[in-house]
């Protein structure tokens, strides 16, 4: 079973263009898979052959999704590993951009007229 619509995505404005707010992949796992399907962390962990604590920590947004976990979740939920890795990558980039915002203002472009 594959899901194509994520209910938990929200939009924000970034320099005049709409963009998605940072969304931890654990929130997607929790809200789009666990809650609607009535799944526990233990059941997902057993299906994916990973420790239950790994899934619990992901859904509590304490840790991110590794490539290993992405491959396993892709198999368990009939998605792709790229789906999970893209969620994680996007989250990481948005968090980094926010944390570095002031410093990024000071960085000058090189080789541009």
PDB file of N, CA and C in Angstrom:
ATOM      1  N   UNK A   1       0.840  -1.161   0.000  1.00  0.00           N
ATOM      2  CA  UNK A   1       0.000   0.000   0.000  1.00  0.00           C
ATOM      3  C   UNK A   1       0.886   1.224   0.000  1.00  0.00           C
ATOM      4  N   UNK A   2       0.621   2.172  -0.884  1.00  0.00           N
ATOM      5  CA  UNK A   2       1.422   3.383  -0.988  1.00  0.00           C
ATOM      6  C   UNK A   2       0.529   4.600  -0.781  1.00  0.00           C
ATOM      7  N   UNK A   3       1.038   5.580  -0.065  1.00  0.00           N
ATOM      8  CA  UNK A   3       0.314   6.808   0.172  1.00  0.00           C
ATOM      9  C   UNK A   3       0.908   7.889  -0.717  1.00  0.00           C
ATOM     10  N   UNK A   4       0.050   8.731  -1.261  1.00  0.00           N
ATOM     11  CA  UNK A   4       0.551   9.794  -2.122  1.00  0.00           C
ATOM     12  C   UNK A   4       0.259  11.177  -1.563  1.00  0.00           C
ATOM     13  N   UNK A   5      -0.668  11.290  -0.628  1.00  0.00           N
ATOM     14  CA  UNK A   5      -1.042  12.582  -0.074  1.00  0.00           C
ATOM     15  C   UNK A   5      -0.654  12.641   1.390  1.00  0.00           C
ATOM     16  N   UNK A   6       0.070  13.661   1.770  1.00  0.00           N
ATOM     17  CA  UNK A   6       0.456  13.840   3.156  1.00  0.00           C
ATOM     18  C   UNK A   6      -0.403  14.935   3.772  1.00  0.00           C
ATOM     19  N   UNK A   7      -1.202  14.578   4.751  1.00  0.00           N
ATOM     20  CA  UNK A   7      -2.076  15.544   5.404  1.00  0.00           C
ATOM     21  C   UNK A   7      -1.305  16.550   6.242  1.00  0.00           C
ATOM     22  N   UNK A   8      -0.138  16.162   6.745  1.00  0.00           N
ATOM     23  CA  UNK A   8       0.562  17.002   7.708  1.00  0.00           C
ATOM     24  C   UNK A   8       1.475  18.049   7.085  1.00  0.00           C
ATOM     25  N   UNK A   9       1.531  18.158   5.775  1.00  0.00           N
ATOM     26  CA  UNK A   9       2.374  19.170   5.146  1.00  0.00           C
ATOM     27  C   UNK A   9       1.708  20.541   5.259  1.00  0.00           C
ATOM     28  N   UNK A  10       2.484  21.534   5.640  1.00  0.00           N
ATOM     29  CA  UNK A  10       1.977  22.887   5.734  1.00  0.00           C
ATOM     30  C   UNK A  10       2.888  23.800   4.929  1.00  0.00           C
ATOM     31  N   UNK A  11       2.349  24.907   4.476  1.00  0.00           N
ATOM     32  CA  UNK A  11       3.154  25.801   3.664  1.00  0.00           C
ATOM     33  C   UNK A  11       3.482  27.077   4.423  1.00  0.00           C
ATOM     34  N   UNK A  12       4.595  27.670   4.054  1.00  0.00           N
ATOM     35  CA  UNK A  12       5.011  28.965   4.583  1.00  0.00           C
ATOM     36  C   UNK A  12       5.522  29.788   3.414  1.00  0.00           C
ATOM     37  N   UNK A  13       5.757  31.051   3.646  1.00  0.00           N
ATOM     38  CA  UNK A  13       6.314  31.911   2.616  1.00  0.00           C
ATOM     39  C   UNK A  13       7.807  32.064   2.848  1.00  0.00           C
ATOM     40  N   UNK A  14       8.595  31.885   1.805  1.00  0.00           N
ATOM     41  CA  UNK A  14      10.038  32.084   1.886  1.00  0.00           C
ATOM     42  C   UNK A  14      10.441  32.953   0.716  1.00  0.00           C
ATOM     43  N   UNK A  15      10.786  34.215   0.991  1.00  0.00           N
ATOM     44  CA  UNK A  15      11.163  35.183  -0.027  1.00  0.00           C
ATOM     45  C   UNK A  15      10.137  35.254  -1.156  1.00  0.00           C
ATOM     46  N   UNK A  16       8.858  35.336  -0.770  1.00  0.00           N
ATOM     47  CA  UNK A  16       7.804  35.507  -1.745  1.00  0.00           C
ATOM     48  C   UNK A  16       7.327  34.245  -2.425  1.00  0.00           C
ATOM     49  N   UNK A  17       7.986  33.128  -2.170  1.00  0.00           N
ATOM     50  CA  UNK A  17       7.571  31.871  -2.791  1.00  0.00           C
ATOM     51  C   UNK A  17       7.107  30.904  -1.718  1.00  0.00           C
ATOM     52  N   UNK A  18       5.979  30.227  -1.952  1.00  0.00           N
ATOM     53  CA  UNK A  18       5.518  29.268  -0.957  1.00  0.00           C
ATOM     54  C   UNK A  18       6.488  28.098  -0.838  1.00  0.00           C
ATOM     55  N   UNK A  19       6.701  27.647   0.378  1.00  0.00           N
ATOM     56  CA  UNK A  19       7.540  26.479   0.606  1.00  0.00           C
ATOM     57  C   UNK A  19       6.998  25.739   1.817  1.00  0.00           C
ATOM     58  N   UNK A  20       7.403  24.503   1.947  1.00  0.00           N
ATOM     59  CA  UNK A  20       6.936  23.706   3.069  1.00  0.00           C
ATOM     60  C   UNK A  20       7.766  24.003   4.306  1.00  0.00           C
ATOM     61  N   UNK A  21       7.103  24.067   5.446  1.00  0.00           N
ATOM     62  CA  UNK A  21       7.800  24.259   6.719  1.00  0.00           C
ATOM     63  C   UNK A  21       8.593  22.989   7.033  1.00  0.00           C
ATOM     64  N   UNK A  22       9.637  23.104   7.866  1.00  0.00           N
ATOM     65  CA  UNK A  22      10.391  21.898   8.219  1.00  0.00           C
ATOM     66  C   UNK A  22       9.461  20.839   8.816  1.00  0.00           C
ATOM     67  N   UNK A  23       9.494  19.693   8.230  1.00  0.00           N
ATOM     68  CA  UNK A  23       8.633  18.593   8.651  1.00  0.00           C
ATOM     69  C   UNK A  23       9.529  17.393   8.910  1.00  0.00           C
ATOM     70  N   UNK A  24       9.616  16.996  10.158  1.00  0.00           N
ATOM     71  CA  UNK A  24      10.463  15.856  10.510  1.00  0.00           C
ATOM     72  C   UNK A  24       9.834  14.582   9.949  1.00  0.00           C
ATOM     73  N   UNK A  25      10.646  13.698   9.375  1.00  0.00           N
ATOM     74  CA  UNK A  25      10.092  12.450   8.842  1.00  0.00           C
ATOM     75  C   UNK A  25       9.399  11.598   9.900  1.00  0.00           C
ATOM     76  N   UNK A  26       9.770  11.797  11.162  1.00  0.00           N
ATOM     77  CA  UNK A  26       9.078  11.090  12.238  1.00  0.00           C
ATOM     78  C   UNK A  26       7.629  11.505  12.347  1.00  0.00           C
ATOM     79  N   UNK A  27       7.343  12.780  12.064  1.00  0.00           N
ATOM     80  CA  UNK A  27       5.960  13.251  12.069  1.00  0.00           C
ATOM     81  C   UNK A  27       5.174  12.581  10.949  1.00  0.00           C
ATOM     82  N   UNK A  28       5.789  12.451   9.791  1.00  0.00           N
ATOM     83  CA  UNK A  28       5.124  11.777   8.673  1.00  0.00           C
ATOM     84  C   UNK A  28       4.852  10.322   9.032  1.00  0.00           C
ATOM     85  N   UNK A  29       5.843   9.644   9.588  1.00  0.00           N
ATOM     86  CA  UNK A  29       5.657   8.253   9.981  1.00  0.00           C
ATOM     87  C   UNK A  29       4.533   8.130  10.998  1.00  0.00           C
ATOM     88  N   UNK A  30       4.537   9.003  11.982  1.00  0.00           N
ATOM     89  CA  UNK A  30       3.542   8.961  13.056  1.00  0.00           C
ATOM     90  C   UNK A  30       2.138   9.311  12.554  1.00  0.00           C
ATOM     91  N   UNK A  31       2.015  10.419  11.827  1.00  0.00           N
ATOM     92  CA  UNK A  31       0.700  10.949  11.452  1.00  0.00           C
ATOM     93  C   UNK A  31       0.107  10.345  10.187  1.00  0.00           C
ATOM     94  N   UNK A  32       0.960   9.927   9.265  1.00  0.00           N
ATOM     95  CA  UNK A  32       0.461   9.435   7.983  1.00  0.00           C
ATOM     96  C   UNK A  32       0.442   7.913   7.878  1.00  0.00           C
ATOM     97  N   UNK A  33       1.146   7.254   8.758  1.00  0.00           N
ATOM     98  CA  UNK A  33       1.206   5.792   8.702  1.00  0.00           C
ATOM     99  C   UNK A  33       0.734   5.148   9.996  1.00  0.00           C
ATOM    100  N   UNK A  34       1.356   5.500  11.104  1.00  0.00           N
ATOM    101  CA  UNK A  34       1.021   4.835  12.361  1.00  0.00           C
ATOM    102  C   UNK A  34      -0.422   5.113  12.791  1.00  0.00           C
ATOM    103  N   UNK A  35      -0.784   6.385  12.883  1.00  0.00           N
ATOM    104  CA  UNK A  35      -2.118   6.741  13.374  1.00  0.00           C
ATOM    105  C   UNK A  35      -3.236   6.183  12.487  1.00  0.00           C
ATOM    106  N   UNK A  36      -3.209   6.445  11.171  1.00  0.00           N
ATOM    107  CA  UNK A  36      -4.320   5.957  10.345  1.00  0.00           C
ATOM    108  C   UNK A  36      -4.410   4.426  10.268  1.00  0.00           C
ATOM    109  N   UNK A  37      -3.261   3.768  10.342  1.00  0.00           N
ATOM    110  CA  UNK A  37      -3.247   2.311  10.208  1.00  0.00           C
ATOM    111  C   UNK A  37      -3.276   1.595  11.558  1.00  0.00           C
ATOM    112  N   UNK A  38      -3.279   2.374  12.636  1.00  0.00           N
ATOM    113  CA  UNK A  38      -3.315   1.779  13.969  1.00  0.00           C
ATOM    114  C   UNK A  38      -2.079   0.956  14.293  1.00  0.00           C
ATOM    115  N   UNK A  39      -0.923   1.426  13.840  1.00  0.00           N
ATOM    116  CA  UNK A  39       0.323   0.686  14.028  1.00  0.00           C
ATOM    117  C   UNK A  39       1.105   1.204  15.223  1.00  0.00           C
ATOM    118  N   UNK A  40       1.737   0.307  15.933  1.00  0.00           N
ATOM    119  CA  UNK A  40       2.633   0.673  17.028  1.00  0.00           C
ATOM    120  C   UNK A  40       4.065   0.692  16.516  1.00  0.00           C
ATOM    121  N   UNK A  41       4.929   1.337  17.283  1.00  0.00           N
ATOM    122  CA  UNK A  41       6.356   1.334  16.948  1.00  0.00           C
ATOM    123  C   UNK A  41       6.876  -0.095  16.943  1.00  0.00           C
ATOM    124  N   UNK A  42       6.395  -0.901  17.880  1.00  0.00           N
ATOM    125  CA  UNK A  42       6.830  -2.292  17.957  1.00  0.00           C
ATOM    126  C   UNK A  42       6.462  -3.089  16.723  1.00  0.00           C
ATOM    127  N   UNK A  43       5.265  -2.869  16.219  1.00  0.00           N
ATOM    128  CA  UNK A  43       4.823  -3.604  15.026  1.00  0.00           C
ATOM    129  C   UNK A  43       5.644  -3.196  13.796  1.00  0.00           C
ATOM    130  N   UNK A  44       5.904  -1.913  13.657  1.00  0.00           N
ATOM    131  CA  UNK A  44       6.717  -1.440  12.535  1.00  0.00           C
ATOM    132  C   UNK A  44       8.144  -1.973  12.669  1.00  0.00           C
ATOM    133  N   UNK A  45       8.675  -1.886  13.875  1.00  0.00           N
ATOM    134  CA  UNK A  45      10.039  -2.359  14.115  1.00  0.00           C
ATOM    135  C   UNK A  45      10.176  -3.835  13.792  1.00  0.00           C
ATOM    136  N   UNK A  46       9.204  -4.616  14.199  1.00  0.00           N
ATOM    137  CA  UNK A  46       9.251  -6.053  13.931  1.00  0.00           C
ATOM    138  C   UNK A  46       9.213  -6.312  12.423  1.00  0.00           C
ATOM    139  N   UNK A  47       8.327  -5.617  11.728  1.00  0.00           N
ATOM    140  CA  UNK A  47       8.212  -5.789  10.275  1.00  0.00           C
ATOM    141  C   UNK A  47       9.494  -5.369   9.561  1.00  0.00           C
ATOM    142  N   UNK A  48      10.143  -4.312  10.072  1.00  0.00           N
ATOM    143  CA  UNK A  48      11.354  -3.781   9.433  1.00  0.00           C
ATOM    144  C   UNK A  48      12.629  -4.451   9.952  1.00  0.00           C
ATOM    145  N   UNK A  49      12.477  -5.284  10.970  1.00  0.00           N
ATOM    146  CA  UNK A  49      13.625  -5.973  11.580  1.00  0.00           C
ATOM    147  C   UNK A  49      14.653  -4.988  12.141  1.00  0.00           C
ATOM    148  N   UNK A  50      14.129  -4.018  12.909  1.00  0.00           N
ATOM    149  CA  UNK A  50      14.972  -3.040  13.605  1.00  0.00           C
ATOM    150  C   UNK A  50      14.533  -2.983  15.068  1.00  0.00           C
ATOM    151  N   UNK A  51      15.367  -2.423  15.941  1.00  0.00           N
ATOM    152  CA  UNK A  51      14.957  -2.270  17.338  1.00  0.00           C
ATOM    153  C   UNK A  51      13.748  -1.331  17.462  1.00  0.00           C
ATOM    154  N   UNK A  52      12.840  -1.677  18.346  1.00  0.00           N
ATOM    155  CA  UNK A  52      11.650  -0.857  18.597  1.00  0.00           C
ATOM    156  C   UNK A  52      12.042   0.564  18.976  1.00  0.00           C
ATOM    157  N   UNK A  53      13.115   0.698  19.748  1.00  0.00           N
ATOM    158  CA  UNK A  53      13.543   2.026  20.193  1.00  0.00           C
ATOM    159  C   UNK A  53      13.936   2.928  19.023  1.00  0.00           C
ATOM    160  N   UNK A  54      14.399   2.344  17.937  1.00  0.00           N
ATOM    161  CA  UNK A  54      14.741   3.162  16.761  1.00  0.00           C
ATOM    162  C   UNK A  54      13.489   3.842  16.219  1.00  0.00           C
ATOM    163  N   UNK A  55      12.430   3.076  16.059  1.00  0.00           N
ATOM    164  CA  UNK A  55      11.175   3.648  15.549  1.00  0.00           C
ATOM    165  C   UNK A  55      10.602   4.638  16.553  1.00  0.00           C
ATOM    166  N   UNK A  56      10.636   4.300  17.830  1.00  0.00           N
ATOM    167  CA  UNK A  56      10.122   5.211  18.859  1.00  0.00           C
ATOM    168  C   UNK A  56      10.865   6.548  18.839  1.00  0.00           C
ATOM    169  N   UNK A  57      12.180   6.503  18.700  1.00  0.00           N
ATOM    170  CA  UNK A  57      12.967   7.736  18.692  1.00  0.00           C
ATOM    171  C   UNK A  57      12.731   8.553  17.423  1.00  0.00           C
ATOM    172  N   UNK A  58      12.485   7.878  16.303  1.00  0.00           N
ATOM    173  CA  UNK A  58      12.165   8.597  15.062  1.00  0.00           C
ATOM    174  C   UNK A  58      10.833   9.313  15.213  1.00  0.00           C
ATOM    175  N   UNK A  59       9.804   8.624  15.694  1.00  0.00           N
ATOM    176  CA  UNK A  59       8.479   9.252  15.792  1.00  0.00           C
ATOM    177  C   UNK A  59       8.426  10.321  16.878  1.00  0.00           C
ATOM    178  N   UNK A  60       9.332  10.260  17.854  1.00  0.00           N
ATOM    179  CA  UNK A  60       9.442  11.338  18.855  1.00  0.00           C
ATOM    180  C   UNK A  60      10.318  12.467  18.324  1.00  0.00           C
ATOM    181  N   UNK A  61      10.815  12.306  17.106  1.00  0.00           N
ATOM    182  CA  UNK A  61      11.635  13.300  16.415  1.00  0.00           C
ATOM    183  C   UNK A  61      12.947  13.564  17.146  1.00  0.00           C
ATOM    184  N   UNK A  62      13.475  12.522  17.785  1.00  0.00           N
ATOM    185  CA  UNK A  62      14.760  12.605  18.477  1.00  0.00           C
ATOM    186  C   UNK A  62      15.922  12.268  17.552  1.00  0.00           C
ATOM    187  N   UNK A  63      15.669  11.422  16.579  1.00  0.00           N
ATOM    188  CA  UNK A  63      16.691  11.051  15.599  1.00  0.00           C
ATOM    189  C   UNK A  63      16.083  11.111  14.210  1.00  0.00           C
ATOM    190  N   UNK A  64      16.958  11.137  13.229  1.00  0.00           N
ATOM    191  CA  UNK A  64      16.511  11.155  11.847  1.00  0.00           C
ATOM    192  C   UNK A  64      16.472   9.758  11.260  1.00  0.00           C
ATOM    193  N   UNK A  65      16.133   9.715  10.002  1.00  0.00           N
ATOM    194  CA  UNK A  65      16.048   8.458   9.274  1.00  0.00           C
ATOM    195  C   UNK A  65      17.343   8.258   8.499  1.00  0.00           C
ATOM    196  N   UNK A  66      17.987   7.134   8.732  1.00  0.00           N
ATOM    197  CA  UNK A  66      19.212   6.776   8.013  1.00  0.00           C
ATOM    198  C   UNK A  66      18.850   6.071   6.715  1.00  0.00           C
ATOM    199  N   UNK A  67      19.834   5.879   5.870  1.00  0.00           N
ATOM    200  CA  UNK A  67      19.605   5.137   4.625  1.00  0.00           C
ATOM    201  C   UNK A  67      19.105   3.727   4.924  1.00  0.00           C
ATOM    202  N   UNK A  68      19.678   3.096   5.935  1.00  0.00           N
ATOM    203  CA  UNK A  68      19.255   1.752   6.329  1.00  0.00           C
ATOM    204  C   UNK A  68      17.768   1.734   6.696  1.00  0.00           C
ATOM    205  N   UNK A  69      17.363   2.679   7.516  1.00  0.00           N
ATOM    206  CA  UNK A  69      15.962   2.749   7.936  1.00  0.00           C
ATOM    207  C   UNK A  69      15.067   3.107   6.760  1.00  0.00           C
ATOM    208  N   UNK A  70      15.526   3.984   5.880  1.00  0.00           N
ATOM    209  CA  UNK A  70      14.736   4.376   4.714  1.00  0.00           C
ATOM    210  C   UNK A  70      14.439   3.185   3.817  1.00  0.00           C
ATOM    211  N   UNK A  71      15.437   2.350   3.601  1.00  0.00           N
ATOM    212  CA  UNK A  71      15.248   1.157   2.770  1.00  0.00           C
ATOM    213  C   UNK A  71      14.207   0.244   3.423  1.00  0.00           C
ATOM    214  N   UNK A  72      14.315   0.071   4.730  1.00  0.00           N
ATOM    215  CA  UNK A  72      13.392  -0.814   5.446  1.00  0.00           C
ATOM    216  C   UNK A  72      11.968  -0.259   5.461  1.00  0.00           C
ATOM    217  N   UNK A  73      11.822   1.041   5.734  1.00  0.00           N
ATOM    218  CA  UNK A  73      10.484   1.635   5.735  1.00  0.00           C
ATOM    219  C   UNK A  73       9.874   1.606   4.334  1.00  0.00           C
ATOM    220  N   UNK A  74      10.708   1.807   3.324  1.00  0.00           N
ATOM    221  CA  UNK A  74      10.219   1.708   1.948  1.00  0.00           C
ATOM    222  C   UNK A  74       9.620   0.349   1.670  1.00  0.00           C
ATOM    223  N   UNK A  75      10.269  -0.670   2.146  1.00  0.00           N
ATOM    224  CA  UNK A  75       9.769  -2.039   1.947  1.00  0.00           C
ATOM    225  C   UNK A  75       8.495  -2.274   2.759  1.00  0.00           C
ATOM    226  N   UNK A  76       8.505  -1.875   4.024  1.00  0.00           N
ATOM    227  CA  UNK A  76       7.361  -2.104   4.914  1.00  0.00           C
ATOM    228  C   UNK A  76       6.097  -1.399   4.409  1.00  0.00           C
ATOM    229  N   UNK A  77       6.251  -0.179   3.897  1.00  0.00           N
ATOM    230  CA  UNK A  77       5.087   0.613   3.502  1.00  0.00           C
ATOM    231  C   UNK A  77       4.896   0.733   1.984  1.00  0.00           C
ATOM    232  N   UNK A  78       5.639  -0.056   1.218  1.00  0.00           N
ATOM    233  CA  UNK A  78       5.516  -0.041  -0.248  1.00  0.00           C
ATOM    234  C   UNK A  78       5.722   1.360  -0.813  1.00  0.00           C
ATOM    235  N   UNK A  79       6.703   2.060  -0.238  1.00  0.00           N
ATOM    236  CA  UNK A  79       7.117   3.352  -0.777  1.00  0.00           C
ATOM    237  C   UNK A  79       8.518   3.139  -1.325  1.00  0.00           C
ATOM    238  N   UNK A  80       9.242   4.206  -1.521  1.00  0.00           N
ATOM    239  CA  UNK A  80      10.632   4.072  -1.951  1.00  0.00           C
ATOM    240  C   UNK A  80      11.543   4.561  -0.830  1.00  0.00           C
ATOM    241  N   UNK A  81      12.774   4.074  -0.791  1.00  0.00           N
ATOM    242  CA  UNK A  81      13.728   4.627   0.176  1.00  0.00           C
ATOM    243  C   UNK A  81      13.935   6.131  -0.058  1.00  0.00           C
ATOM    244  N   UNK A  82      13.861   6.541  -1.309  1.00  0.00           N
ATOM    245  CA  UNK A  82      14.057   7.956  -1.651  1.00  0.00           C
ATOM    246  C   UNK A  82      12.992   8.840  -1.000  1.00  0.00           C
ATOM    247  N   UNK A  83      11.783   8.331  -0.890  1.00  0.00           N
ATOM    248  CA  UNK A  83      10.716   9.089  -0.222  1.00  0.00           C
ATOM    249  C   UNK A  83      11.159   9.470   1.186  1.00  0.00           C
ATOM    250  N   UNK A  84      11.639   8.490   1.939  1.00  0.00           N
ATOM    251  CA  UNK A  84      12.049   8.719   3.329  1.00  0.00           C
ATOM    252  C   UNK A  84      13.314   9.564   3.403  1.00  0.00           C
ATOM    253  N   UNK A  85      14.272   9.304   2.513  1.00  0.00           N
ATOM    254  CA  UNK A  85      15.512  10.074   2.531  1.00  0.00           C
ATOM    255  C   UNK A  85      15.268  11.519   2.107  1.00  0.00           C
ATOM    256  N   UNK A  86      14.369  11.748   1.159  1.00  0.00           N
ATOM    257  CA  UNK A  86      14.054  13.112   0.742  1.00  0.00           C
ATOM    258  C   UNK A  86      13.403  13.897   1.872  1.00  0.00           C
ATOM    259  N   UNK A  87      12.521  13.247   2.634  1.00  0.00           N
ATOM    260  CA  UNK A  87      11.937  13.907   3.804  1.00  0.00           C
ATOM    261  C   UNK A  87      13.033  14.317   4.783  1.00  0.00           C
ATOM    262  N   UNK A  88      13.968  13.401   5.045  1.00  0.00           N
ATOM    263  CA  UNK A  88      15.037  13.681   5.995  1.00  0.00           C
ATOM    264  C   UNK A  88      15.970  14.766   5.475  1.00  0.00           C
ATOM    265  N   UNK A  89      16.340  14.676   4.218  1.00  0.00           N
ATOM    266  CA  UNK A  89      17.243  15.651   3.632  1.00  0.00           C
ATOM    267  C   UNK A  89      16.632  17.054   3.644  1.00  0.00           C
ATOM    268  N   UNK A  90      15.378  17.149   3.265  1.00  0.00           N
ATOM    269  CA  UNK A  90      14.697  18.439   3.253  1.00  0.00           C
ATOM    270  C   UNK A  90      14.627  19.025   4.657  1.00  0.00           C
ATOM    271  N   UNK A  91      14.284  18.185   5.621  1.00  0.00           N
ATOM    272  CA  UNK A  91      14.223  18.637   7.009  1.00  0.00           C
ATOM    273  C   UNK A  91      15.590  19.157   7.459  1.00  0.00           C
ATOM    274  N   UNK A  92      16.632  18.378   7.215  1.00  0.00           N
ATOM    275  CA  UNK A  92      17.980  18.762   7.629  1.00  0.00           C
ATOM    276  C   UNK A  92      18.399  20.092   7.001  1.00  0.00           C
ATOM    277  N   UNK A  93      18.114  20.269   5.715  1.00  0.00           N
ATOM    278  CA  UNK A  93      18.490  21.505   5.033  1.00  0.00           C
ATOM    279  C   UNK A  93      17.738  22.716   5.574  1.00  0.00           C
ATOM    280  N   UNK A  94      16.442  22.575   5.793  1.00  0.00           N
ATOM    281  CA  UNK A  94      15.660  23.699   6.315  1.00  0.00           C
ATOM    282  C   UNK A  94      16.087  24.075   7.725  1.00  0.00           C
ATOM    283  N   UNK A  95      16.386  23.096   8.550  1.00  0.00           N
ATOM    284  CA  UNK A  95      16.852  23.378   9.907  1.00  0.00           C
ATOM    285  C   UNK A  95      18.214  24.069   9.863  1.00  0.00           C
ATOM    286  N   UNK A  96      19.105  23.593   9.005  1.00  0.00           N
ATOM    287  CA  UNK A  96      20.429  24.204   8.880  1.00  0.00           C
ATOM    288  C   UNK A  96      20.326  25.641   8.368  1.00  0.00           C
ATOM    289  N   UNK A  97      19.483  25.865   7.357  1.00  0.00           N
ATOM    290  CA  UNK A  97      19.309  27.217   6.832  1.00  0.00           C
ATOM    291  C   UNK A  97      18.787  28.164   7.898  1.00  0.00           C
ATOM    292  N   UNK A  98      17.857  27.704   8.699  1.00  0.00           N
ATOM    293  CA  UNK A  98      17.313  28.546   9.767  1.00  0.00           C
ATOM    294  C   UNK A  98      18.383  28.854  10.812  1.00  0.00           C
ATOM    295  N   UNK A  99      19.157  27.850  11.183  1.00  0.00           N
ATOM    296  CA  UNK A  99      20.195  28.032  12.192  1.00  0.00           C
ATOM    297  C   UNK A  99      21.311  28.948  11.707  1.00  0.00           C
ATOM    298  N   UNK A 100      21.573  28.942  10.422  1.00  0.00           N
ATOM    299  CA  UNK A 100      22.672  29.729   9.854  1.00  0.00           C
ATOM    300  C   UNK A 100      22.221  31.038   9.214  1.00  0.00           C
ATOM    301  N   UNK A 101      20.957  31.394   9.361  1.00  0.00           N
ATOM    302  CA  UNK A 101      20.395  32.537   8.631  1.00  0.00           C
ATOM    303  C   UNK A 101      21.230  33.805   8.770  1.00  0.00           C
ATOM    304  N   UNK A 102      21.578  34.163   9.981  1.00  0.00           N
ATOM    305  CA  UNK A 102      22.342  35.399  10.185  1.00  0.00           C
ATOM    306  C   UNK A 102      23.721  35.300   9.545  1.00  0.00           C
ATOM    307  N   UNK A 103      24.375  34.175   9.712  1.00  0.00           N
ATOM    308  CA  UNK A 103      25.706  33.989   9.136  1.00  0.00           C
ATOM    309  C   UNK A 103      25.649  33.971   7.611  1.00  0.00           C
ATOM    310  N   UNK A 104      24.611  33.387   7.050  1.00  0.00           N
ATOM    311  CA  UNK A 104      24.476  33.325   5.597  1.00  0.00           C
ATOM    312  C   UNK A 104      24.338  34.717   4.990  1.00  0.00           C
ATOM    313  N   UNK A 105      23.744  35.645   5.739  1.00  0.00           N
ATOM    314  CA  UNK A 105      23.604  37.030   5.259  1.00  0.00           C
ATOM    315  C   UNK A 105      24.973  37.656   5.035  1.00  0.00           C
ATOM    316  N   UNK A 106      25.972  37.232   5.783  1.00  0.00           N
ATOM    317  CA  UNK A 106      27.310  37.796   5.695  1.00  0.00           C
ATOM    318  C   UNK A 106      28.167  37.164   4.614  1.00  0.00           C
ATOM    319  N   UNK A 107      27.750  36.048   4.078  1.00  0.00           N
ATOM    320  CA  UNK A 107      28.544  35.342   3.072  1.00  0.00           C
ATOM    321  C   UNK A 107      28.369  36.020   1.713  1.00  0.00           C
ATOM    322  N   UNK A 108      29.479  36.309   1.076  1.00  0.00           N
ATOM    323  CA  UNK A 108      29.477  37.000  -0.216  1.00  0.00           C
ATOM    324  C   UNK A 108      29.627  35.984  -1.343  1.00  0.00           C
ATOM    325  N   UNK A 109      29.001  36.274  -2.465  1.00  0.00           N
ATOM    326  CA  UNK A 109      29.136  35.441  -3.655  1.00  0.00           C
ATOM    327  C   UNK A 109      30.513  35.621  -4.265  1.00  0.00           C
ATOM    328  N   UNK A 110      31.077  34.566  -4.785  1.00  0.00           N
ATOM    329  CA  UNK A 110      32.361  34.638  -5.468  1.00  0.00           C
ATOM    330  C   UNK A 110      32.147  34.548  -6.980  1.00  0.00           C
ATOM    331  N   UNK A 111      32.925  35.316  -7.715  1.00  0.00           N
ATOM    332  CA  UNK A 111      32.898  35.224  -9.169  1.00  0.00           C
ATOM    333  C   UNK A 111      31.641  35.741  -9.823  1.00  0.00           C
ATOM    334  N   UNK A 112      30.881  36.537  -9.101  1.00  0.00           N
ATOM    335  CA  UNK A 112      29.661  37.093  -9.676  1.00  0.00           C
ATOM    336  C   UNK A 112      29.840  38.600  -9.748  1.00  0.00           C
ATOM    337  N   UNK A 113      29.677  39.158 -10.978  1.00  0.00           N
ATOM    338  CA  UNK A 113      29.883  40.550 -11.292  1.00  0.00           C
ATOM    339  C   UNK A 113      29.539  41.478 -10.240  1.00  0.00           C
TER     340      UNK A 113
END
